[in-house]
Structure formats: structure tokens, C-alpha cells
Amino acid sequence: MRRGEVARRAECHPETVRFYERHGLLPSPPRNEAGHRIYGRAHLRRLRFIVRCRALGFALEEIRGLLELVDRGDCTCAEIRRRTSVQLEAVQRKIRDLERMRDTLGDLIGRCSGEETPDCAVLEALFEPEMGRRSS
């Protein structure tokens, strides 16, 4: 497969393929007589793995660590579970942060009259150092 085809099958952009090659996550494929890179099934499988990990929020270094375990042949389900549990905790923290942001934005909007006036409660609140704190 050429780069466009492997990218299409992995559901990513062709430049994403090159990006992962440059960062050492995807090995460079051999070239044909015309000098075009030719990707095999192993490249596609690895690229799909990387794309799926990225969709789950794994950083490049975390993906590199997972791939190193696989490449060395010493990965265990326990180790993969530990690493994915760490990622789940990070996602849960982000969700909590987003929920706080949503609540704060909702509070700010609730303060706003929405009228055509230069006095804006949202701007006043954003300029206040205590903006994000609630009085519960």
C-alpha cells in the first residue's frame, strides 16, 4: 500500500503517517523501484494501534512505551492494564475539569443581562480574581 491507502485504512491523514514515522512510532517502510514507500499489513496494524491510542488521549511517549513493550515481547496484560488505568484516571480528571468549566461558564452567563449595554456582568466577573470560586 502507498501512504494514502494506509492512511485511509487507518482513518488518518497521510501526513499523520509521516509524523509517526518521524517520531519513531512507525517504522519507515521499504521503497519500490520508483522510490515510493510501500506499507505492509504490519504497518497498517501498528498505525491503527497508534491512531486508536491517540483517540483515547494517550500521549506520544505513552504510546511509545506501549509499543516498546510489544516490540520487546515482554508485555503482560497486568502492565497494559496498569498503563491504561493511569490513562483512565487522567481522562476522569479532564472530565472533572471540563465539568467545572461548564458550571463556571453557566454561572457567568446567568449573571449576564444580555442587553445591549456596555456594562457586562460577565466581563466584570472575568476581571475579578475570585471569578472561578463559588460561594456555596
C-alpha atoms as a PDB file:
ATOM      1  CA  MET A   1       0.000   0.000   0.000  1.00  0.00           C
ATOM      2  CA  ARG A   2       1.096   3.545  -0.609  1.00  0.00           C
ATOM      3  CA  ARG A   3       0.870   6.183   2.125  1.00  0.00           C
ATOM      4  CA  GLY A   4      -2.564   7.463   1.093  1.00  0.00           C
ATOM      5  CA  GLU A   5      -4.034   3.977   1.159  1.00  0.00           C
ATOM      6  CA  VAL A   6      -2.578   3.020   4.536  1.00  0.00           C
ATOM      7  CA  ALA A   7      -3.781   6.357   5.938  1.00  0.00           C
ATOM      8  CA  ARG A   8      -7.276   5.823   4.551  1.00  0.00           C
ATOM      9  CA  ARG A   9      -7.462   2.334   6.045  1.00  0.00           C
ATOM     10  CA  ALA A  10      -6.206   3.585   9.415  1.00  0.00           C
ATOM     11  CA  GLU A  11      -8.616   6.528   9.254  1.00  0.00           C
ATOM     12  CA  CYS A  12      -5.989   9.244   9.491  1.00  0.00           C
ATOM     13  CA  HIS A  13      -4.409  11.873   7.251  1.00  0.00           C
ATOM     14  CA  PRO A  14      -1.449  10.839   5.051  1.00  0.00           C
ATOM     15  CA  GLU A  15       0.753  13.430   6.759  1.00  0.00           C
ATOM     16  CA  THR A  16      -0.073  11.768  10.081  1.00  0.00           C
ATOM     17  CA  VAL A  17       1.645   8.640   8.789  1.00  0.00           C
ATOM     18  CA  ARG A  18       4.834  10.614   8.100  1.00  0.00           C
ATOM     19  CA  PHE A  19       4.552  12.305  11.502  1.00  0.00           C
ATOM     20  CA  TYR A  20       4.547   8.935  13.275  1.00  0.00           C
ATOM     21  CA  GLU A  21       7.458   7.775  11.148  1.00  0.00           C
ATOM     22  CA  ARG A  22       9.476  10.904  12.021  1.00  0.00           C
ATOM     23  CA  HIS A  23       8.761  10.337  15.707  1.00  0.00           C
ATOM     24  CA  GLY A  24       9.852   6.707  15.546  1.00  0.00           C
ATOM     25  CA  LEU A  25       6.477   5.164  16.320  1.00  0.00           C
ATOM     26  CA  LEU A  26       6.003   3.721  12.858  1.00  0.00           C
ATOM     27  CA  PRO A  27       8.996   2.154  11.117  1.00  0.00           C
ATOM     28  CA  SER A  28       9.855   3.524   7.702  1.00  0.00           C
ATOM     29  CA  PRO A  29       8.655   1.128   5.036  1.00  0.00           C
ATOM     30  CA  PRO A  30      10.760  -0.189   2.193  1.00  0.00           C
ATOM     31  CA  ARG A  31      10.626   1.615  -1.135  1.00  0.00           C
ATOM     32  CA  ASN A  32       9.723   0.204  -4.519  1.00  0.00           C
ATOM     33  CA  GLU A  33      11.776   0.666  -7.695  1.00  0.00           C
ATOM     34  CA  ALA A  34      10.161   4.067  -8.270  1.00  0.00           C
ATOM     35  CA  GLY A  35      11.144   5.208  -4.786  1.00  0.00           C
ATOM     36  CA  HIS A  36       7.626   5.122  -3.328  1.00  0.00           C
ATOM     37  CA  ARG A  37       7.160   3.877   0.203  1.00  0.00           C
ATOM     38  CA  ILE A  38       5.267   0.611   0.310  1.00  0.00           C
ATOM     39  CA  TYR A  39       3.445  -0.142   3.553  1.00  0.00           C
ATOM     40  CA  GLY A  40       2.530  -3.664   4.569  1.00  0.00           C
ATOM     41  CA  ARG A  41      -0.088  -5.163   6.868  1.00  0.00           C
ATOM     42  CA  ALA A  42       2.209  -4.807   9.880  1.00  0.00           C
ATOM     43  CA  HIS A  43       2.466  -1.059   9.218  1.00  0.00           C
ATOM     44  CA  LEU A  44      -1.314  -0.790   8.958  1.00  0.00           C
ATOM     45  CA  ARG A  45      -1.860  -2.751  12.174  1.00  0.00           C
ATOM     46  CA  ARG A  46       0.644  -0.600  14.067  1.00  0.00           C
ATOM     47  CA  LEU A  47      -0.761   2.618  12.602  1.00  0.00           C
ATOM     48  CA  ARG A  48      -4.292   1.649  13.629  1.00  0.00           C
ATOM     49  CA  PHE A  49      -2.998   0.948  17.135  1.00  0.00           C
ATOM     50  CA  ILE A  50      -1.364   4.401  17.304  1.00  0.00           C
ATOM     51  CA  VAL A  51      -4.457   6.163  15.940  1.00  0.00           C
ATOM     52  CA  ARG A  52      -6.713   4.378  18.442  1.00  0.00           C
ATOM     53  CA  CYS A  53      -4.380   5.207  21.330  1.00  0.00           C
ATOM     54  CA  ARG A  54      -4.347   8.870  20.289  1.00  0.00           C
ATOM     55  CA  ALA A  55      -8.154   8.864  20.133  1.00  0.00           C
ATOM     56  CA  LEU A  56      -8.126   7.676  23.756  1.00  0.00           C
ATOM     57  CA  GLY A  57      -5.853  10.540  24.761  1.00  0.00           C
ATOM     58  CA  PHE A  58      -2.549   8.707  25.109  1.00  0.00           C
ATOM     59  CA  ALA A  59       0.464  10.963  24.592  1.00  0.00           C
ATOM     60  CA  LEU A  60       3.122  10.010  22.053  1.00  0.00           C
ATOM     61  CA  GLU A  61       5.552   8.934  24.790  1.00  0.00           C
ATOM     62  CA  GLU A  62       2.889   6.743  26.388  1.00  0.00           C
ATOM     63  CA  ILE A  63       2.206   5.106  23.024  1.00  0.00           C
ATOM     64  CA  ARG A  64       5.935   4.665  22.513  1.00  0.00           C
ATOM     65  CA  GLY A  65       6.104   2.883  25.874  1.00  0.00           C
ATOM     66  CA  LEU A  66       3.259   0.538  24.926  1.00  0.00           C
ATOM     67  CA  LEU A  67       4.854  -0.223  21.572  1.00  0.00           C
ATOM     68  CA  GLU A  68       8.231  -0.883  23.194  1.00  0.00           C
ATOM     69  CA  LEU A  69       6.602  -3.477  25.439  1.00  0.00           C
ATOM     70  CA  VAL A  70       5.035  -5.123  22.397  1.00  0.00           C
ATOM     71  CA  ASP A  71       8.241  -4.919  20.338  1.00  0.00           C
ATOM     72  CA  ARG A  72      10.351  -6.472  23.110  1.00  0.00           C
ATOM     73  CA  GLY A  73       7.802  -9.238  23.512  1.00  0.00           C
ATOM     74  CA  ASP A  74       7.601  -8.845  27.253  1.00  0.00           C
ATOM     75  CA  CYS A  75       4.266  -7.109  27.629  1.00  0.00           C
ATOM     76  CA  THR A  76       1.787  -8.557  30.072  1.00  0.00           C
ATOM     77  CA  CYS A  77      -1.888  -7.926  30.491  1.00  0.00           C
ATOM     78  CA  ALA A  78      -1.129  -6.647  34.009  1.00  0.00           C
ATOM     79  CA  GLU A  79       1.268  -3.997  32.687  1.00  0.00           C
ATOM     80  CA  ILE A  80      -1.109  -2.910  29.935  1.00  0.00           C
ATOM     81  CA  ARG A  81      -3.932  -2.704  32.465  1.00  0.00           C
ATOM     82  CA  ARG A  82      -1.801  -0.550  34.765  1.00  0.00           C
ATOM     83  CA  ARG A  83      -0.932   1.859  31.963  1.00  0.00           C
ATOM     84  CA  THR A  84      -4.481   2.116  30.674  1.00  0.00           C
ATOM     85  CA  SER A  85      -5.741   2.636  34.240  1.00  0.00           C
ATOM     86  CA  VAL A  86      -3.385   5.610  34.545  1.00  0.00           C
ATOM     87  CA  GLN A  87      -4.846   6.967  31.306  1.00  0.00           C
ATOM     88  CA  LEU A  88      -8.392   6.442  32.573  1.00  0.00           C
ATOM     89  CA  GLU A  89      -7.555   8.451  35.703  1.00  0.00           C
ATOM     90  CA  ALA A  90      -6.206  11.269  33.514  1.00  0.00           C
ATOM     91  CA  VAL A  91      -9.380  11.250  31.418  1.00  0.00           C
ATOM     92  CA  GLN A  92     -11.525  11.343  34.557  1.00  0.00           C
ATOM     93  CA  ARG A  93      -9.533  14.361  35.824  1.00  0.00           C
ATOM     94  CA  LYS A  94     -10.086  16.115  32.492  1.00  0.00           C
ATOM     95  CA  ILE A  95     -13.810  15.392  32.680  1.00  0.00           C
ATOM     96  CA  ARG A  96     -13.976  16.894  36.174  1.00  0.00           C
ATOM     97  CA  ASP A  97     -12.079  19.956  34.926  1.00  0.00           C
ATOM     98  CA  LEU A  98     -14.445  20.308  31.974  1.00  0.00           C
ATOM     99  CA  GLU A  99     -17.460  19.978  34.267  1.00  0.00           C
ATOM    100  CA  ARG A 100     -16.078  22.779  36.475  1.00  0.00           C
ATOM    101  CA  MET A 101     -15.524  24.909  33.373  1.00  0.00           C
ATOM    102  CA  ARG A 102     -19.080  24.206  32.197  1.00  0.00           C
ATOM    103  CA  ASP A 103     -20.504  25.145  35.583  1.00  0.00           C
ATOM    104  CA  THR A 104     -18.451  28.340  35.772  1.00  0.00           C
ATOM    105  CA  LEU A 105     -19.474  29.380  32.264  1.00  0.00           C
ATOM    106  CA  GLY A 106     -23.103  28.660  33.109  1.00  0.00           C
ATOM    107  CA  ASP A 107     -22.808  30.816  36.237  1.00  0.00           C
ATOM    108  CA  LEU A 108     -21.242  33.638  34.226  1.00  0.00           C
ATOM    109  CA  ILE A 109     -23.958  33.503  31.607  1.00  0.00           C
ATOM    110  CA  GLY A 110     -26.553  33.521  34.386  1.00  0.00           C
ATOM    111  CA  ARG A 111     -25.133  36.836  35.632  1.00  0.00           C
ATOM    112  CA  CYS A 112     -25.444  38.431  32.210  1.00  0.00           C
ATOM    113  CA  SER A 113     -28.489  40.503  31.289  1.00  0.00           C
ATOM    114  CA  GLY A 114     -27.833  40.016  27.591  1.00  0.00           C
ATOM    115  CA  GLU A 115     -28.879  43.592  26.943  1.00  0.00           C
ATOM    116  CA  GLU A 116     -27.247  45.985  24.520  1.00  0.00           C
ATOM    117  CA  THR A 117     -25.322  47.810  27.247  1.00  0.00           C
ATOM    118  CA  PRO A 118     -21.600  48.318  27.812  1.00  0.00           C
ATOM    119  CA  ASP A 119     -21.940  47.148  31.423  1.00  0.00           C
ATOM    120  CA  CYS A 120     -21.404  43.406  31.293  1.00  0.00           C
ATOM    121  CA  ALA A 121     -21.503  41.200  34.361  1.00  0.00           C
ATOM    122  CA  VAL A 122     -19.522  38.507  32.537  1.00  0.00           C
ATOM    123  CA  LEU A 123     -16.638  40.874  31.817  1.00  0.00           C
ATOM    124  CA  GLU A 124     -16.698  42.151  35.384  1.00  0.00           C
ATOM    125  CA  ALA A 125     -16.563  38.605  36.723  1.00  0.00           C
ATOM    126  CA  LEU A 126     -13.736  37.643  34.365  1.00  0.00           C
ATOM    127  CA  PHE A 127     -11.679  40.582  35.601  1.00  0.00           C
ATOM    128  CA  GLU A 128     -12.244  39.573  39.245  1.00  0.00           C
ATOM    129  CA  PRO A 129      -9.590  37.345  40.862  1.00  0.00           C
ATOM    130  CA  GLU A 130     -12.268  35.312  42.638  1.00  0.00           C
ATOM    131  CA  MET A 131     -14.138  34.532  39.396  1.00  0.00           C
ATOM    132  CA  GLY A 132     -13.872  30.769  39.472  1.00  0.00           C
ATOM    133  CA  ARG A 133     -14.693  30.342  43.146  1.00  0.00           C
ATOM    134  CA  ARG A 134     -18.241  29.674  44.226  1.00  0.00           C
ATOM    135  CA  SER A 135     -19.881  30.737  47.438  1.00  0.00           C
ATOM    136  CA  SER A 136     -21.629  27.511  48.390  1.00  0.00           C
END
